[in-house]
N, C-alpha and C. Protein backbone atom coordinates (compact mmCIF):
# COMPACT_ATOMS: atom_id res chain seq x y z
N UNK A 1 0.82 -1.19 0.00
CA UNK A 1 0.00 0.00 0.00
C UNK A 1 0.87 1.26 0.00
N UNK A 2 2.01 1.20 0.66
CA UNK A 2 2.90 2.35 0.75
C UNK A 2 3.44 2.73 -0.63
N UNK A 3 3.78 1.76 -1.44
CA UNK A 3 4.29 2.04 -2.79
C UNK A 3 3.23 2.74 -3.63
N UNK A 4 2.00 2.32 -3.50
CA UNK A 4 0.92 2.94 -4.27
C UNK A 4 0.71 4.39 -3.85
N UNK A 5 0.79 4.66 -2.54
CA UNK A 5 0.64 6.02 -2.06
C UNK A 5 1.79 6.91 -2.52
N UNK A 6 3.00 6.37 -2.49
CA UNK A 6 4.16 7.12 -2.98
C UNK A 6 4.00 7.45 -4.46
N UNK A 7 3.54 6.47 -5.24
CA UNK A 7 3.34 6.68 -6.66
C UNK A 7 2.23 7.70 -6.90
N UNK A 8 1.15 7.62 -6.11
CA UNK A 8 0.06 8.58 -6.22
C UNK A 8 0.55 9.99 -5.91
N UNK A 9 1.35 10.11 -4.85
CA UNK A 9 1.90 11.41 -4.45
C UNK A 9 2.81 11.96 -5.55
N UNK A 10 3.65 11.13 -6.13
CA UNK A 10 4.54 11.56 -7.20
C UNK A 10 3.75 12.03 -8.41
N UNK A 11 2.74 11.28 -8.80
CA UNK A 11 1.91 11.65 -9.95
C UNK A 11 1.13 12.94 -9.69
N UNK A 12 0.66 13.12 -8.44
CA UNK A 12 -0.06 14.33 -8.09
C UNK A 12 0.84 15.56 -8.19
N UNK A 13 2.07 15.45 -7.68
CA UNK A 13 3.02 16.56 -7.78
C UNK A 13 3.39 16.85 -9.24
N UNK A 14 3.54 15.80 -10.02
CA UNK A 14 3.86 15.98 -11.44
C UNK A 14 2.71 16.70 -12.14
N UNK A 15 1.49 16.33 -11.83
CA UNK A 15 0.31 16.96 -12.43
C UNK A 15 0.23 18.44 -12.04
N UNK A 16 0.55 18.76 -10.79
CA UNK A 16 0.53 20.15 -10.34
C UNK A 16 1.59 20.97 -11.06
N UNK A 17 2.78 20.40 -11.26
CA UNK A 17 3.84 21.11 -11.98
C UNK A 17 3.42 21.39 -13.42
N UNK A 18 2.76 20.44 -14.05
CA UNK A 18 2.34 20.61 -15.43
C UNK A 18 1.25 21.68 -15.55
N UNK A 19 0.50 21.92 -14.49
CA UNK A 19 -0.59 22.89 -14.51
C UNK A 19 -0.06 24.32 -14.38
N UNK A 20 1.17 24.49 -13.94
CA UNK A 20 1.73 25.83 -13.77
C UNK A 20 2.15 26.36 -15.13
N UNK A 21 1.63 27.50 -15.50
CA UNK A 21 1.98 28.09 -16.79
C UNK A 21 2.85 29.33 -16.56
N UNK A 22 3.45 29.77 -17.63
CA UNK A 22 4.27 30.99 -17.55
C UNK A 22 3.35 32.18 -17.32
N UNK A 23 3.80 33.14 -16.54
CA UNK A 23 3.05 34.36 -16.30
C UNK A 23 3.66 35.46 -17.16
N UNK A 24 2.83 36.41 -17.51
CA UNK A 24 3.31 37.60 -18.21
C UNK A 24 2.85 38.80 -17.40
N UNK A 25 3.81 39.69 -17.09
CA UNK A 25 3.47 40.88 -16.31
C UNK A 25 4.01 42.13 -17.00
N UNK A 26 3.39 43.25 -16.67
CA UNK A 26 3.88 44.55 -17.12
C UNK A 26 4.75 45.12 -16.02
N UNK A 27 5.84 45.77 -16.41
CA UNK A 27 6.76 46.35 -15.43
C UNK A 27 7.39 47.60 -16.00
N UNK A 28 8.10 48.32 -15.13
CA UNK A 28 8.84 49.51 -15.53
C UNK A 28 10.31 49.25 -15.23
N UNK A 29 11.19 49.55 -16.19
CA UNK A 29 12.62 49.31 -16.03
C UNK A 29 13.20 50.31 -15.04
N UNK A 30 13.87 49.79 -13.99
CA UNK A 30 14.51 50.65 -12.99
C UNK A 30 16.00 50.82 -13.27
N UNK A 31 16.68 49.72 -13.64
CA UNK A 31 18.11 49.78 -13.96
C UNK A 31 18.47 48.62 -14.87
N UNK A 32 19.57 48.83 -15.62
CA UNK A 32 20.03 47.82 -16.58
C UNK A 32 21.53 47.62 -16.39
N UNK A 33 21.94 46.36 -16.30
CA UNK A 33 23.37 46.00 -16.30
C UNK A 33 23.64 45.31 -17.63
N UNK A 34 24.04 46.09 -18.62
CA UNK A 34 24.21 45.59 -19.98
C UNK A 34 25.32 44.55 -20.06
N UNK A 35 26.38 44.71 -19.26
CA UNK A 35 27.48 43.75 -19.28
C UNK A 35 27.01 42.36 -18.83
N UNK A 36 26.17 42.31 -17.81
CA UNK A 36 25.67 41.03 -17.30
C UNK A 36 24.38 40.60 -18.01
N UNK A 37 23.83 41.49 -18.84
CA UNK A 37 22.57 41.23 -19.56
C UNK A 37 21.42 40.96 -18.59
N UNK A 38 21.35 41.80 -17.53
CA UNK A 38 20.30 41.69 -16.51
C UNK A 38 19.73 43.07 -16.21
N UNK A 39 18.52 43.09 -15.66
CA UNK A 39 17.93 44.36 -15.25
C UNK A 39 17.09 44.17 -13.99
N UNK A 40 16.74 45.29 -13.39
CA UNK A 40 15.82 45.33 -12.26
C UNK A 40 14.60 46.11 -12.71
N UNK A 41 13.42 45.56 -12.43
CA UNK A 41 12.17 46.22 -12.83
C UNK A 41 11.22 46.28 -11.64
N UNK A 42 10.20 47.09 -11.80
CA UNK A 42 9.14 47.18 -10.80
C UNK A 42 7.82 46.86 -11.47
N UNK A 43 7.09 45.89 -10.91
CA UNK A 43 5.79 45.51 -11.46
C UNK A 43 4.82 46.68 -11.45
N UNK A 44 4.10 46.89 -12.54
CA UNK A 44 3.17 48.01 -12.61
C UNK A 44 1.92 47.77 -11.77
N UNK A 45 1.50 46.52 -11.62
CA UNK A 45 0.29 46.22 -10.88
C UNK A 45 0.56 46.08 -9.39
N UNK A 46 1.61 45.31 -9.05
CA UNK A 46 1.86 45.00 -7.64
C UNK A 46 2.95 45.84 -7.00
N UNK A 47 3.72 46.60 -7.78
CA UNK A 47 4.78 47.43 -7.23
C UNK A 47 5.99 46.65 -6.72
N UNK A 48 6.01 45.34 -6.95
CA UNK A 48 7.12 44.50 -6.49
C UNK A 48 8.33 44.68 -7.42
N UNK A 49 9.51 44.60 -6.82
CA UNK A 49 10.74 44.64 -7.63
C UNK A 49 11.12 43.23 -8.05
N UNK A 50 11.56 43.12 -9.27
CA UNK A 50 12.06 41.86 -9.81
C UNK A 50 13.52 42.08 -10.16
N UNK A 51 14.38 41.26 -9.58
CA UNK A 51 15.82 41.40 -9.74
C UNK A 51 16.34 40.35 -10.73
N UNK A 52 17.47 40.63 -11.32
CA UNK A 52 18.14 39.69 -12.23
C UNK A 52 17.23 39.20 -13.35
N UNK A 53 16.49 40.12 -13.93
CA UNK A 53 15.64 39.79 -15.07
C UNK A 53 16.54 39.70 -16.30
N UNK A 54 16.49 38.57 -16.99
CA UNK A 54 17.33 38.35 -18.17
C UNK A 54 16.89 39.25 -19.32
N UNK A 55 17.86 39.84 -20.02
CA UNK A 55 17.57 40.71 -21.16
C UNK A 55 17.45 39.95 -22.47
N UNK A 56 17.61 38.64 -22.42
CA UNK A 56 17.50 37.85 -23.64
C UNK A 56 17.77 36.39 -23.37
N UNK A 57 17.80 35.64 -24.46
CA UNK A 57 18.00 34.20 -24.34
C UNK A 57 19.11 33.71 -25.28
N UNK A 58 20.25 34.32 -25.22
CA UNK A 58 21.50 33.96 -25.90
C UNK A 58 21.58 34.30 -27.39
N UNK A 59 20.49 34.29 -28.13
CA UNK A 59 20.59 34.66 -29.54
C UNK A 59 20.06 36.07 -29.80
N UNK A 60 19.34 36.64 -28.84
CA UNK A 60 18.81 38.00 -29.00
C UNK A 60 18.71 38.67 -27.64
N UNK A 61 19.42 39.77 -27.49
CA UNK A 61 19.39 40.57 -26.26
C UNK A 61 18.98 42.00 -26.62
N UNK A 62 18.21 42.62 -25.73
CA UNK A 62 17.84 44.02 -25.89
C UNK A 62 18.15 44.78 -24.61
N UNK A 63 18.60 46.02 -24.78
CA UNK A 63 18.89 46.90 -23.65
C UNK A 63 17.77 47.94 -23.60
N UNK A 64 16.74 47.71 -22.76
CA UNK A 64 15.65 48.68 -22.71
C UNK A 64 16.08 49.97 -22.03
N UNK A 65 15.42 51.05 -22.39
CA UNK A 65 15.71 52.33 -21.76
C UNK A 65 15.16 52.32 -20.34
N UNK A 66 15.92 52.89 -19.41
CA UNK A 66 15.47 53.01 -18.03
C UNK A 66 14.21 53.87 -18.01
N UNK A 67 13.21 53.42 -17.29
CA UNK A 67 11.95 54.14 -17.18
C UNK A 67 10.90 53.69 -18.17
N UNK A 68 11.27 52.87 -19.14
CA UNK A 68 10.32 52.42 -20.14
C UNK A 68 9.48 51.25 -19.61
N UNK A 69 8.31 51.08 -20.21
CA UNK A 69 7.42 49.98 -19.85
C UNK A 69 7.84 48.73 -20.61
N UNK A 70 7.77 47.58 -19.95
CA UNK A 70 8.17 46.33 -20.61
C UNK A 70 7.26 45.19 -20.16
N UNK A 71 7.32 44.09 -20.92
CA UNK A 71 6.61 42.86 -20.58
C UNK A 71 7.63 41.82 -20.19
N UNK A 72 7.36 41.12 -19.10
CA UNK A 72 8.23 40.05 -18.62
C UNK A 72 7.51 38.73 -18.67
N UNK A 73 8.28 37.68 -18.92
CA UNK A 73 7.79 36.33 -18.76
C UNK A 73 8.36 35.78 -17.47
N UNK A 74 7.53 35.09 -16.69
CA UNK A 74 7.98 34.48 -15.44
C UNK A 74 7.66 32.99 -15.54
N UNK A 75 8.69 32.17 -15.49
CA UNK A 75 8.52 30.73 -15.63
C UNK A 75 8.20 30.07 -14.29
N UNK A 76 7.23 29.19 -14.31
CA UNK A 76 6.86 28.37 -13.15
C UNK A 76 6.64 29.20 -11.88
N UNK A 77 6.09 30.40 -12.04
CA UNK A 77 5.79 31.29 -10.91
C UNK A 77 7.01 31.61 -10.06
N UNK A 78 8.19 31.57 -10.64
CA UNK A 78 9.42 31.89 -9.92
C UNK A 78 9.95 33.21 -10.45
N UNK A 79 9.91 34.25 -9.62
CA UNK A 79 10.38 35.55 -10.08
C UNK A 79 11.87 35.51 -10.42
N UNK A 80 12.58 34.52 -9.91
CA UNK A 80 14.00 34.39 -10.23
C UNK A 80 14.21 33.85 -11.64
N UNK A 81 13.15 33.37 -12.27
CA UNK A 81 13.23 32.86 -13.64
C UNK A 81 12.45 33.78 -14.57
N UNK A 82 12.79 35.07 -14.54
CA UNK A 82 12.06 36.04 -15.35
C UNK A 82 12.94 36.54 -16.50
N UNK A 83 12.28 36.91 -17.59
CA UNK A 83 13.01 37.35 -18.77
C UNK A 83 12.21 38.41 -19.53
N UNK A 84 12.91 39.25 -20.25
CA UNK A 84 12.30 40.31 -21.05
C UNK A 84 11.64 39.71 -22.29
N UNK A 85 10.38 40.05 -22.48
CA UNK A 85 9.68 39.65 -23.70
C UNK A 85 9.71 40.79 -24.70
N UNK A 86 9.36 41.99 -24.22
CA UNK A 86 9.30 43.15 -25.10
C UNK A 86 9.44 44.42 -24.28
N UNK A 87 9.81 45.51 -24.92
CA UNK A 87 9.95 46.80 -24.25
C UNK A 87 9.46 47.89 -25.20
N UNK A 88 8.88 48.94 -24.62
CA UNK A 88 8.41 50.06 -25.44
C UNK A 88 9.55 50.72 -26.20
N UNK A 89 10.72 50.85 -25.55
CA UNK A 89 11.88 51.48 -26.18
C UNK A 89 13.13 50.74 -25.75
N UNK A 90 14.08 50.62 -26.66
CA UNK A 90 15.37 50.05 -26.29
C UNK A 90 16.50 50.81 -26.94
N UNK A 91 17.64 50.83 -26.25
CA UNK A 91 18.82 51.56 -26.73
C UNK A 91 19.66 50.72 -27.67
N UNK A 92 19.66 49.42 -27.45
CA UNK A 92 20.54 48.54 -28.22
C UNK A 92 19.94 47.15 -28.25
N UNK A 93 20.13 46.47 -29.38
CA UNK A 93 19.72 45.08 -29.52
C UNK A 93 20.80 44.31 -30.24
N UNK A 94 21.02 43.06 -29.83
CA UNK A 94 22.06 42.23 -30.44
C UNK A 94 21.45 40.89 -30.86
N UNK A 95 21.51 40.61 -32.17
CA UNK A 95 21.11 39.32 -32.72
C UNK A 95 22.38 38.53 -33.01
N UNK A 96 22.41 37.26 -32.63
CA UNK A 96 23.59 36.43 -32.88
C UNK A 96 23.15 35.11 -33.52
N UNK A 97 23.88 34.72 -34.55
CA UNK A 97 23.69 33.41 -35.18
C UNK A 97 25.07 32.90 -35.56
N UNK A 98 25.59 31.98 -34.77
CA UNK A 98 26.94 31.48 -35.01
C UNK A 98 27.94 32.61 -34.88
N UNK A 99 28.74 32.84 -35.92
CA UNK A 99 29.74 33.91 -35.92
C UNK A 99 29.17 35.24 -36.42
N UNK A 100 27.90 35.24 -36.83
CA UNK A 100 27.28 36.46 -37.35
C UNK A 100 26.63 37.23 -36.21
N UNK A 101 26.89 38.55 -36.17
CA UNK A 101 26.31 39.41 -35.13
C UNK A 101 25.76 40.66 -35.80
N UNK A 102 24.49 40.95 -35.51
CA UNK A 102 23.82 42.16 -36.01
C UNK A 102 23.42 42.97 -34.80
N UNK A 103 23.98 44.18 -34.68
CA UNK A 103 23.71 45.06 -33.54
C UNK A 103 22.93 46.27 -34.02
N UNK A 104 21.85 46.58 -33.32
CA UNK A 104 21.05 47.77 -33.60
C UNK A 104 21.29 48.74 -32.45
N UNK A 105 21.71 49.95 -32.80
CA UNK A 105 21.89 51.00 -31.80
C UNK A 105 21.14 52.23 -32.30
N UNK A 106 20.92 53.17 -31.39
CA UNK A 106 20.28 54.41 -31.80
C UNK A 106 21.14 55.16 -32.81
N UNK A 107 22.45 54.93 -32.79
CA UNK A 107 23.37 55.63 -33.69
C UNK A 107 23.56 54.92 -35.03
N UNK A 108 23.03 53.69 -35.18
CA UNK A 108 23.18 52.96 -36.43
C UNK A 108 23.29 51.47 -36.21
N UNK A 109 23.77 50.78 -37.23
CA UNK A 109 23.85 49.33 -37.23
C UNK A 109 25.29 48.86 -37.31
N UNK A 110 25.55 47.70 -36.72
CA UNK A 110 26.85 47.04 -36.85
C UNK A 110 26.58 45.62 -37.36
N UNK A 111 27.22 45.28 -38.46
CA UNK A 111 27.06 43.95 -39.04
C UNK A 111 28.43 43.31 -39.08
N UNK A 112 28.57 42.18 -38.37
CA UNK A 112 29.86 41.49 -38.31
C UNK A 112 29.70 40.01 -38.64
N UNK A 113 30.74 39.49 -39.24
CA UNK A 113 30.87 38.06 -39.48
C UNK A 113 32.25 37.69 -38.96
N UNK A 114 32.32 37.03 -37.82
CA UNK A 114 33.62 36.75 -37.20
C UNK A 114 34.26 38.06 -36.78
N UNK A 115 35.49 38.29 -37.22
CA UNK A 115 36.20 39.53 -36.90
C UNK A 115 36.01 40.62 -37.95
N UNK A 116 35.27 40.32 -39.01
CA UNK A 116 35.07 41.28 -40.10
C UNK A 116 33.80 42.10 -39.88
N UNK A 117 33.92 43.41 -40.10
CA UNK A 117 32.79 44.33 -40.00
C UNK A 117 32.45 44.82 -41.41
N UNK A 118 31.17 44.85 -41.74
CA UNK A 118 30.75 45.33 -43.06
C UNK A 118 31.20 46.76 -43.29
N UNK A 119 31.11 47.60 -42.29
CA UNK A 119 31.53 49.01 -42.43
C UNK A 119 33.03 49.09 -42.73
N UNK A 120 33.84 48.33 -42.02
CA UNK A 120 35.28 48.36 -42.27
C UNK A 120 35.61 47.90 -43.70
N UNK A 121 34.89 46.89 -44.17
CA UNK A 121 35.13 46.38 -45.52
C UNK A 121 34.77 47.45 -46.56
N UNK A 122 33.62 48.08 -46.39
CA UNK A 122 33.21 49.11 -47.34
C UNK A 122 34.13 50.33 -47.27
N UNK A 123 34.54 50.72 -46.05
CA UNK A 123 35.50 51.83 -45.91
C UNK A 123 36.81 51.52 -46.64
N UNK A 124 37.30 50.29 -46.47
CA UNK A 124 38.54 49.89 -47.15
C UNK A 124 38.37 49.92 -48.66
N UNK A 125 37.19 49.49 -49.13
CA UNK A 125 36.94 49.50 -50.57
C UNK A 125 36.93 50.93 -51.10
N UNK A 126 36.28 51.84 -50.41
CA UNK A 126 36.24 53.24 -50.85
C UNK A 126 37.64 53.85 -50.84
N UNK A 127 38.43 53.54 -49.80
CA UNK A 127 39.81 54.04 -49.75
C UNK A 127 40.61 53.55 -50.95
N UNK A 128 40.43 52.28 -51.31
CA UNK A 128 41.16 51.74 -52.46
C UNK A 128 40.66 52.35 -53.77
N UNK A 129 39.36 52.56 -53.89
CA UNK A 129 38.83 53.20 -55.10
C UNK A 129 39.37 54.61 -55.26
N UNK A 130 39.54 55.29 -54.14
CA UNK A 130 40.07 56.66 -54.19
C UNK A 130 41.52 56.71 -54.67
N UNK A 131 42.22 55.61 -54.66
CA UNK A 131 43.61 55.56 -55.11
C UNK A 131 43.72 55.40 -56.63
N UNK A 132 42.62 55.14 -57.29
CA UNK A 132 42.65 54.91 -58.73
C UNK A 132 43.04 56.19 -59.47
N UNK A 133 44.03 56.06 -60.33
CA UNK A 133 44.46 57.15 -61.21
C UNK A 133 44.20 56.73 -62.65
N UNK A 134 43.49 57.55 -63.36
CA UNK A 134 43.18 57.27 -64.76
C UNK A 134 44.08 58.14 -65.62
N UNK A 135 44.78 57.51 -66.54
CA UNK A 135 45.70 58.25 -67.38
C UNK A 135 44.96 59.01 -68.48
N UNK A 136 44.01 58.39 -69.12
CA UNK A 136 43.21 59.07 -70.14
C UNK A 136 41.74 58.92 -69.75
N UNK A 137 40.99 59.95 -69.89
CA UNK A 137 39.56 59.91 -69.57
C UNK A 137 39.29 60.50 -68.19
N UNK A 138 38.16 60.18 -67.65
CA UNK A 138 37.74 60.73 -66.35
C UNK A 138 38.28 59.87 -65.21
N UNK A 139 38.75 60.52 -64.19
CA UNK A 139 39.22 59.82 -63.00
C UNK A 139 38.08 59.72 -61.98
N UNK A 140 38.29 58.95 -60.98
CA UNK A 140 37.27 58.80 -59.94
C UNK A 140 37.10 60.12 -59.20
N UNK A 141 35.87 60.41 -58.81
CA UNK A 141 35.56 61.63 -58.07
C UNK A 141 35.79 61.34 -56.58
N UNK A 142 36.99 61.65 -56.11
CA UNK A 142 37.38 61.35 -54.73
C UNK A 142 36.46 62.05 -53.73
N UNK A 143 36.09 63.28 -54.01
CA UNK A 143 35.21 64.03 -53.09
C UNK A 143 33.86 63.35 -52.96
N UNK A 144 33.32 62.87 -54.10
CA UNK A 144 32.03 62.17 -54.06
C UNK A 144 32.14 60.86 -53.29
N UNK A 145 33.26 60.14 -53.47
CA UNK A 145 33.46 58.88 -52.74
C UNK A 145 33.58 59.14 -51.24
N UNK A 146 34.25 60.21 -50.85
CA UNK A 146 34.35 60.55 -49.43
C UNK A 146 32.99 60.94 -48.86
N UNK A 147 32.16 61.61 -49.67
CA UNK A 147 30.81 61.96 -49.23
C UNK A 147 29.98 60.69 -49.01
N UNK A 148 30.15 59.72 -49.89
CA UNK A 148 29.44 58.43 -49.74
C UNK A 148 29.90 57.74 -48.47
N UNK A 149 31.19 57.79 -48.21
CA UNK A 149 31.75 57.17 -47.01
C UNK A 149 31.16 57.83 -45.75
N UNK A 150 31.01 59.15 -45.76
CA UNK A 150 30.41 59.85 -44.63
C UNK A 150 28.94 59.48 -44.47
N UNK A 151 28.22 59.38 -45.57
CA UNK A 151 26.81 58.98 -45.51
C UNK A 151 26.70 57.57 -44.94
N UNK A 152 27.58 56.69 -45.37
CA UNK A 152 27.58 55.32 -44.87
C UNK A 152 27.79 55.27 -43.36
N UNK A 153 28.60 56.19 -42.85
CA UNK A 153 28.88 56.24 -41.41
C UNK A 153 27.67 56.65 -40.59
N UNK A 154 26.67 57.25 -41.24
CA UNK A 154 25.45 57.60 -40.50
C UNK A 154 24.51 56.42 -40.34
N UNK A 155 24.74 55.35 -41.11
CA UNK A 155 23.91 54.15 -41.04
C UNK A 155 24.66 53.01 -40.37
N UNK A 156 25.87 52.73 -40.85
CA UNK A 156 26.69 51.66 -40.28
C UNK A 156 27.71 52.27 -39.33
N UNK A 157 27.79 51.74 -38.12
CA UNK A 157 28.77 52.24 -37.16
C UNK A 157 29.77 51.14 -36.88
N UNK A 158 30.91 51.52 -36.35
CA UNK A 158 31.95 50.53 -36.06
C UNK A 158 31.81 50.00 -34.65
């Protein structure tokens, strides 16, 4: 009889665990530790502080602006297992896939593959094009190429 009760108790606990679903709450960002990819928020409904809220799940991280409203997911009703779902505003976002990294900042975008940056490659190409000397005919317009390089710097950042 004892074995049956133990099995019943185990199955009952398993059933209770399966019934627990993830919670979603609204909160306000109080502080962000971008290096650790964590933040502290305050629940909008209950006023409770949530510490060590993850800013992402390894392939996508966002740095929300302090004071902005955000949505959190809380796994198994454990506030220690909370993560950012979305935010009204963010300062920076990082997408990673293998060696490819795409960073969105308020100042522009960074696109990298391994140690290579798209901006550095294009800058190097423009610098090399500016070295072209044409003996007969029209030469490259160095001023126009430098203007293009400056325009590119407003979109792609290093």
